[in-house]
Amino acid sequence: MIPLVATRRMVDMDPELEAFVPFFPRADLTDPVADRKIYSELAGARPVPDTTGMEIEDRTVPADPDVPVRIYRPLQAQGAIIWSHGGGHVIGDLDTEHPLAIRIADGAGAVVISVGYRRAPEHPYPAALDDVYAVLTWVAENAAELGIDPERIAVGGHSAGANLAAAVALRARDEQGPAIRFQVLNEPGLDDRLETWSARNFTDTPWLYRDKVARSWTYYLGSTPATQYAAPARATDLSGLPPAYIASAEFDPNRDECIAYALRLLQAGVSVELHQWPGTFHGSGAVPAEVSQRQFAEITAAVRRALAH
């Protein structure tokens, strides 16, 4: 008998996306160094958008240790978004995120501060969270020098980067830190327990599947028990958080925790825009398909609206 998940994937996946599935490398995170190289090569094959009229600057945020950032400043920027790349907390960096950061800055009309946070397993939790929070604090404290309205700062990211954005929003609320205008959580990994239906059943989905998710959580948590700042789904109180845009992919182990988090935010009185994208899989937004273009356009539009006067 063909498993239910496999049957649904063959029947319901977007045909344009399905054509790209054979070209995705396995990259199962068993060898982080090798998988970083694979991911860098994959990202390097993407075309880099035109940057005419956009200022791009590498800076170092003073912290312990210092945090590298890349700042993208389009003409007539409306506010700023601190953006964290995906990669299961293990792979990805400023260079692999470069094409996407350009497109976000251009499409949203916002300054993008892309964060080169420390990665697991060499630097487990809370290293990455500390890095992104240090950048948030630095941006807020230096908003005038950066030409940014301190009342129009958002946080966002994809996958593990979205986990960090959600965690930073929780931490800023609890520590009375910098004000965050908006949070963008694109296919976030929020729950280390892997108890949802999608986390239990999506064992062979493209790019991301249960075993890979479990491995990334093991690397990220190290020997530290999970808290709400490591796995935001564990937070018992979601009130007082910034409005959110949350997107999930149909064939993604993270799918159900994304939707559950959105519902809990709504129940806590937080405004949420939630979009469940049918026929997609985790990371399929990187593929030049029609549905991927719609996904990206919706994210940038949400950021533009949130940061507008």
Protein backbone atom coordinates (compact mmCIF):
# COMPACT_ATOMS: atom_id res chain seq x y z
CA MET A 1 0.00 0.00 0.00
CA ILE A 2 1.30 3.49 -0.87
CA PRO A 3 1.53 5.66 2.27
CA LEU A 4 -1.07 8.41 2.61
CA VAL A 5 1.58 11.13 2.72
CA ALA A 6 3.26 9.93 -0.47
CA THR A 7 -0.10 9.68 -2.26
CA ARG A 8 -1.12 13.17 -1.24
CA ARG A 9 2.25 14.60 -2.27
CA MET A 10 2.02 13.11 -5.76
CA VAL A 11 -1.56 14.22 -6.27
CA ASP A 12 -1.67 17.60 -4.56
CA MET A 13 1.77 19.17 -4.92
CA ASP A 14 1.93 22.13 -7.26
CA PRO A 15 3.04 20.58 -10.59
CA GLU A 16 5.47 23.42 -11.30
CA LEU A 17 7.17 22.87 -7.93
CA GLU A 18 7.16 19.09 -8.24
CA ALA A 19 9.26 19.37 -11.40
CA PHE A 20 12.07 20.90 -9.32
CA VAL A 21 12.05 18.30 -6.53
CA PRO A 22 14.62 15.94 -8.18
CA PHE A 23 17.13 18.80 -8.28
CA PHE A 24 17.04 19.46 -4.53
CA PRO A 25 20.09 17.95 -2.74
CA ARG A 26 19.47 15.73 0.27
CA ALA A 27 21.49 17.86 2.75
CA ASP A 28 20.23 15.88 5.76
CA LEU A 29 22.42 17.74 8.32
CA THR A 30 24.39 14.64 9.31
CA ASP A 31 27.53 16.55 8.26
CA PRO A 32 27.00 20.27 8.95
CA VAL A 33 30.22 21.36 7.25
CA ALA A 34 29.46 19.47 4.05
CA ASP A 35 25.83 20.59 4.07
CA ARG A 36 26.87 24.23 4.42
CA LYS A 37 28.94 23.84 1.28
CA ILE A 38 26.04 22.21 -0.57
CA TYR A 39 23.68 24.98 0.49
CA SER A 40 26.16 27.71 -0.45
CA GLU A 41 26.52 26.22 -3.92
CA LEU A 42 22.76 25.94 -4.28
CA ALA A 43 22.23 29.54 -3.17
CA GLY A 44 25.10 30.74 -5.34
CA ALA A 45 23.33 29.41 -8.43
CA ARG A 46 20.44 31.82 -7.92
CA PRO A 47 20.54 35.03 -9.96
CA VAL A 48 21.36 38.14 -7.94
CA PRO A 49 18.74 40.87 -8.42
CA ASP A 50 19.68 44.29 -9.74
CA THR A 51 20.90 46.60 -6.95
CA THR A 52 20.96 49.85 -8.91
CA GLY A 53 20.07 52.66 -6.53
CA MET A 54 20.41 50.46 -3.44
CA GLU A 55 23.14 50.98 -0.84
CA ILE A 56 24.58 47.76 0.59
CA GLU A 57 26.96 47.91 3.53
CA ASP A 58 28.64 45.32 5.74
CA ARG A 59 28.83 46.37 9.38
CA THR A 60 29.75 44.80 12.69
CA VAL A 61 27.42 45.16 15.65
CA PRO A 62 29.35 45.45 18.92
CA ALA A 63 28.36 42.57 21.20
CA ASP A 64 30.03 39.63 22.93
CA PRO A 65 31.10 38.47 20.41
CA ASP A 66 30.49 41.04 17.68
CA VAL A 67 27.77 40.22 15.15
CA PRO A 68 28.22 40.73 11.39
CA VAL A 69 25.30 42.32 9.56
CA ARG A 70 24.66 43.37 5.98
CA ILE A 71 22.48 46.44 5.56
CA TYR A 72 20.38 46.97 2.42
CA ARG A 73 19.07 50.50 1.96
CA PRO A 74 16.70 51.13 -0.96
CA LEU A 75 15.63 54.60 -2.05
CA GLN A 76 12.88 56.12 0.12
CA ALA A 77 12.89 53.31 2.65
CA GLN A 78 9.91 52.97 4.98
CA GLY A 79 11.25 51.67 8.28
CA ALA A 80 13.45 48.63 8.73
CA ILE A 81 13.26 44.88 9.19
CA ILE A 82 15.87 42.80 11.01
CA TRP A 83 16.01 39.62 8.94
CA SER A 84 17.40 36.21 9.97
CA HIS A 85 18.18 33.53 7.41
CA GLY A 86 16.92 29.96 7.50
CA GLY A 87 18.90 26.73 7.59
CA GLY A 88 17.87 24.84 10.70
CA HIS A 89 20.19 27.02 12.81
CA VAL A 90 23.01 25.07 11.12
CA ILE A 91 23.48 26.24 7.52
CA GLY A 92 23.09 29.55 5.70
CA ASP A 93 24.86 32.90 6.14
CA LEU A 94 24.88 36.49 4.91
CA ASP A 95 26.02 35.42 1.44
CA THR A 96 23.41 32.71 0.91
CA GLU A 97 20.70 35.16 2.01
CA HIS A 98 22.02 37.97 -0.17
CA PRO A 99 19.63 37.61 -3.17
CA LEU A 100 16.58 37.30 -0.92
CA ALA A 101 17.58 40.28 1.23
CA ILE A 102 17.90 42.44 -1.89
CA ARG A 103 14.43 41.41 -3.04
CA ILE A 104 12.90 42.10 0.39
CA ALA A 105 14.48 45.56 0.57
CA ASP A 106 13.35 46.40 -2.94
CA GLY A 107 9.88 44.88 -2.73
CA ALA A 108 9.03 46.14 0.76
CA GLY A 109 10.73 49.51 0.40
CA ALA A 110 12.42 48.92 3.74
CA VAL A 111 15.93 48.87 5.12
CA VAL A 112 16.89 45.23 5.62
CA ILE A 113 19.44 44.35 8.29
CA SER A 114 20.48 40.78 7.51
CA VAL A 115 22.04 39.06 10.54
CA GLY A 116 25.02 36.70 10.36
CA TYR A 117 24.22 34.96 13.62
CA ARG A 118 26.29 32.14 15.11
CA ARG A 119 25.26 28.65 14.03
CA ALA A 120 24.85 25.31 15.73
CA PRO A 121 26.21 22.80 16.56
CA GLU A 122 29.37 24.83 17.24
CA HIS A 123 27.28 27.53 18.92
CA PRO A 124 24.07 26.10 20.37
CA TYR A 125 21.21 28.05 21.95
CA PRO A 126 21.17 30.83 23.08
CA ALA A 127 24.02 32.07 20.84
CA ALA A 128 21.92 32.83 17.75
CA LEU A 129 19.13 34.43 19.78
CA ASP A 130 21.62 36.60 21.67
CA ASP A 131 23.10 37.73 18.35
CA VAL A 132 19.78 38.72 16.80
CA TYR A 133 18.64 40.44 20.00
CA ALA A 134 21.91 42.38 20.13
CA VAL A 135 21.25 43.57 16.58
CA LEU A 136 17.71 44.64 17.48
CA THR A 137 19.03 46.64 20.43
CA TRP A 138 21.79 48.20 18.32
CA VAL A 139 19.39 49.23 15.56
CA ALA A 140 16.98 50.81 18.05
CA GLU A 141 19.76 52.66 19.89
CA ASN A 142 21.40 53.87 16.67
CA ALA A 143 18.26 54.53 14.65
CA ALA A 144 19.11 58.18 14.02
CA GLU A 145 22.59 57.38 12.70
CA LEU A 146 21.14 54.59 10.57
CA GLY A 147 18.37 56.84 9.25
CA ILE A 148 15.67 54.58 10.65
CA ASP A 149 12.47 55.53 12.46
CA PRO A 150 12.77 53.72 15.83
CA GLU A 151 8.99 53.26 15.87
CA ARG A 152 9.05 51.35 12.58
CA ILE A 153 11.31 48.36 13.22
CA ALA A 154 10.15 44.86 12.33
CA VAL A 155 11.72 41.44 12.79
CA GLY A 156 11.43 38.52 10.43
CA GLY A 157 12.94 35.44 8.92
CA HIS A 158 12.44 32.14 7.20
CA SER A 159 12.37 28.75 8.97
CA ALA A 160 15.02 28.86 11.73
CA GLY A 161 15.27 32.60 11.11
CA ALA A 162 11.54 32.89 11.76
CA ASN A 163 12.07 30.95 15.00
CA LEU A 164 14.59 33.62 16.00
CA ALA A 165 12.24 36.44 15.03
CA ALA A 166 9.44 34.97 17.16
CA ALA A 167 11.85 34.43 20.07
CA VAL A 168 13.21 37.97 19.82
CA ALA A 169 9.66 39.32 19.94
CA LEU A 170 8.99 37.33 23.12
CA ARG A 171 12.25 38.41 24.72
CA ALA A 172 11.75 42.08 23.85
CA ARG A 173 8.29 41.96 25.43
CA ASP A 174 9.50 40.25 28.58
CA GLU A 175 12.62 42.40 29.05
CA GLN A 176 10.91 45.66 28.09
CA GLY A 177 13.31 45.86 25.19
CA PRO A 178 13.04 47.81 21.92
CA ALA A 179 9.60 48.25 20.44
CA ILE A 180 8.88 45.89 17.54
CA ARG A 181 6.30 47.04 15.01
CA PHE A 182 5.71 43.72 13.22
CA GLN A 183 6.95 40.14 12.99
CA VAL A 184 7.25 38.10 9.79
CA LEU A 185 7.34 34.36 10.39
CA ASN A 186 7.78 32.46 7.14
CA GLU A 187 7.44 28.70 7.67
CA PRO A 188 8.84 28.97 11.21
CA GLY A 189 10.15 26.09 13.28
CA LEU A 190 8.60 26.80 16.67
CA ASP A 191 8.20 23.52 18.54
CA ASP A 192 10.98 21.08 19.43
CA ARG A 193 8.52 18.45 20.64
CA LEU A 194 7.54 17.34 17.10
CA GLU A 195 4.13 16.18 18.28
CA THR A 196 1.86 17.74 15.65
CA TRP A 197 0.33 15.69 12.85
CA SER A 198 2.58 17.24 10.20
CA ALA A 199 5.72 16.76 12.32
CA ARG A 200 4.90 13.09 12.88
CA ASN A 201 3.76 12.21 9.37
CA PHE A 202 5.90 14.19 6.94
CA THR A 203 8.88 11.85 6.93
CA ASP A 204 9.81 12.03 3.24
CA THR A 205 8.76 15.50 2.09
CA PRO A 206 11.12 17.53 -0.14
CA TRP A 207 14.00 19.42 1.49
CA LEU A 208 12.62 19.23 5.04
CA TYR A 209 11.28 16.13 6.78
CA ARG A 210 10.88 14.83 10.33
CA ASP A 211 14.37 13.37 10.86
CA LYS A 212 16.05 16.50 9.54
CA VAL A 213 13.93 18.71 11.79
CA ALA A 214 14.75 16.53 14.80
CA ARG A 215 18.46 16.72 14.00
CA SER A 216 18.39 20.50 13.69
CA TRP A 217 16.69 20.82 17.09
CA THR A 218 19.30 18.51 18.64
CA TYR A 219 22.09 20.70 17.27
CA TYR A 220 20.40 23.94 18.29
CA LEU A 221 19.44 22.98 21.83
CA GLY A 222 22.64 21.10 22.65
CA SER A 223 22.44 20.16 26.32
CA THR A 224 20.06 23.01 27.19
CA PRO A 225 16.40 22.20 27.99
CA ALA A 226 14.01 23.97 25.63
CA THR A 227 12.41 27.18 26.87
CA GLN A 228 10.00 29.56 25.18
CA TYR A 229 12.93 31.55 23.83
CA ALA A 230 14.37 28.46 22.13
CA ALA A 231 11.01 27.02 21.04
CA PRO A 232 8.39 29.81 21.05
CA ALA A 233 5.51 27.30 20.85
CA ARG A 234 6.32 26.52 24.49
CA ALA A 235 5.35 30.07 25.57
CA THR A 236 2.27 30.01 27.78
CA ASP A 237 1.45 33.72 27.32
CA LEU A 238 1.44 35.25 23.84
CA SER A 239 -0.30 38.50 24.76
CA GLY A 240 1.35 41.83 24.10
CA LEU A 241 3.36 40.61 21.11
CA PRO A 242 3.65 42.53 17.82
CA PRO A 243 1.21 41.88 14.98
CA ALA A 244 2.35 39.02 12.78
CA TYR A 245 2.35 37.70 9.26
CA ILE A 246 2.69 33.90 9.34
CA ALA A 247 3.02 31.65 6.29
CA SER A 248 3.07 27.87 6.19
CA ALA A 249 3.66 25.33 3.43
CA GLU A 250 1.29 22.41 2.94
CA PHE A 251 3.95 19.68 2.80
CA ASP A 252 6.13 20.91 5.65
CA PRO A 253 6.70 19.24 9.03
CA ASN A 254 6.44 22.75 10.55
CA ARG A 255 3.00 23.35 9.03
CA ASP A 256 0.75 22.56 11.97
CA GLU A 257 2.86 24.37 14.58
CA CYS A 258 2.76 27.49 12.37
CA ILE A 259 -1.02 27.38 12.22
CA ALA A 260 -1.36 26.57 15.93
CA TYR A 261 0.91 29.50 16.86
CA ALA A 262 -1.13 31.86 14.68
CA LEU A 263 -4.35 30.73 16.35
CA ARG A 264 -2.86 31.15 19.81
CA LEU A 265 -1.67 34.66 18.95
CA LEU A 266 -5.18 35.54 17.79
CA GLN A 267 -6.66 34.12 20.97
CA ALA A 268 -4.20 36.27 22.95
CA GLY A 269 -5.42 39.41 21.20
CA VAL A 270 -2.58 39.74 18.69
CA SER A 271 -3.46 40.66 15.11
CA VAL A 272 -2.35 37.96 12.68
CA GLU A 273 -2.39 37.47 8.92
CA LEU A 274 -2.08 33.74 8.23
CA HIS A 275 -1.58 32.15 4.84
CA GLN A 276 -1.40 28.39 4.32
CA TRP A 277 0.03 27.86 0.84
CA PRO A 278 -1.45 24.76 -0.86
CA GLY A 279 0.75 22.49 -2.92
CA THR A 280 4.00 23.91 -1.53
CA PHE A 281 6.83 22.44 0.54
CA HIS A 282 9.30 23.94 2.98
CA GLY A 283 11.64 26.27 1.14
CA SER A 284 9.85 25.96 -2.19
CA GLY A 285 9.62 29.74 -2.26
CA ALA A 286 13.19 29.70 -3.58
CA VAL A 287 12.03 27.97 -6.76
CA PRO A 288 11.12 30.20 -9.74
CA ALA A 289 7.50 29.05 -9.83
CA GLU A 290 4.33 31.12 -10.09
CA VAL A 291 3.18 30.23 -6.58
CA SER A 292 6.61 31.18 -5.22
CA GLN A 293 6.34 34.61 -6.81
CA ARG A 294 2.96 35.08 -5.15
CA GLN A 295 4.37 34.00 -1.79
CA PHE A 296 7.21 36.48 -1.97
CA ALA A 297 5.00 39.31 -3.19
CA GLU A 298 2.67 38.76 -0.25
CA ILE A 299 5.50 38.86 2.31
CA THR A 300 6.95 42.10 0.94
CA ALA A 301 3.50 43.67 0.72
CA ALA A 302 2.83 42.76 4.37
CA VAL A 303 6.11 44.37 5.45
CA ARG A 304 5.42 47.47 3.36
CA ARG A 305 1.98 47.92 4.91
CA ALA A 306 3.23 47.33 8.45
CA LEU A 307 6.04 49.88 8.19
CA ALA A 308 4.07 52.57 6.35
CA HIS A 309 3.14 55.78 8.12
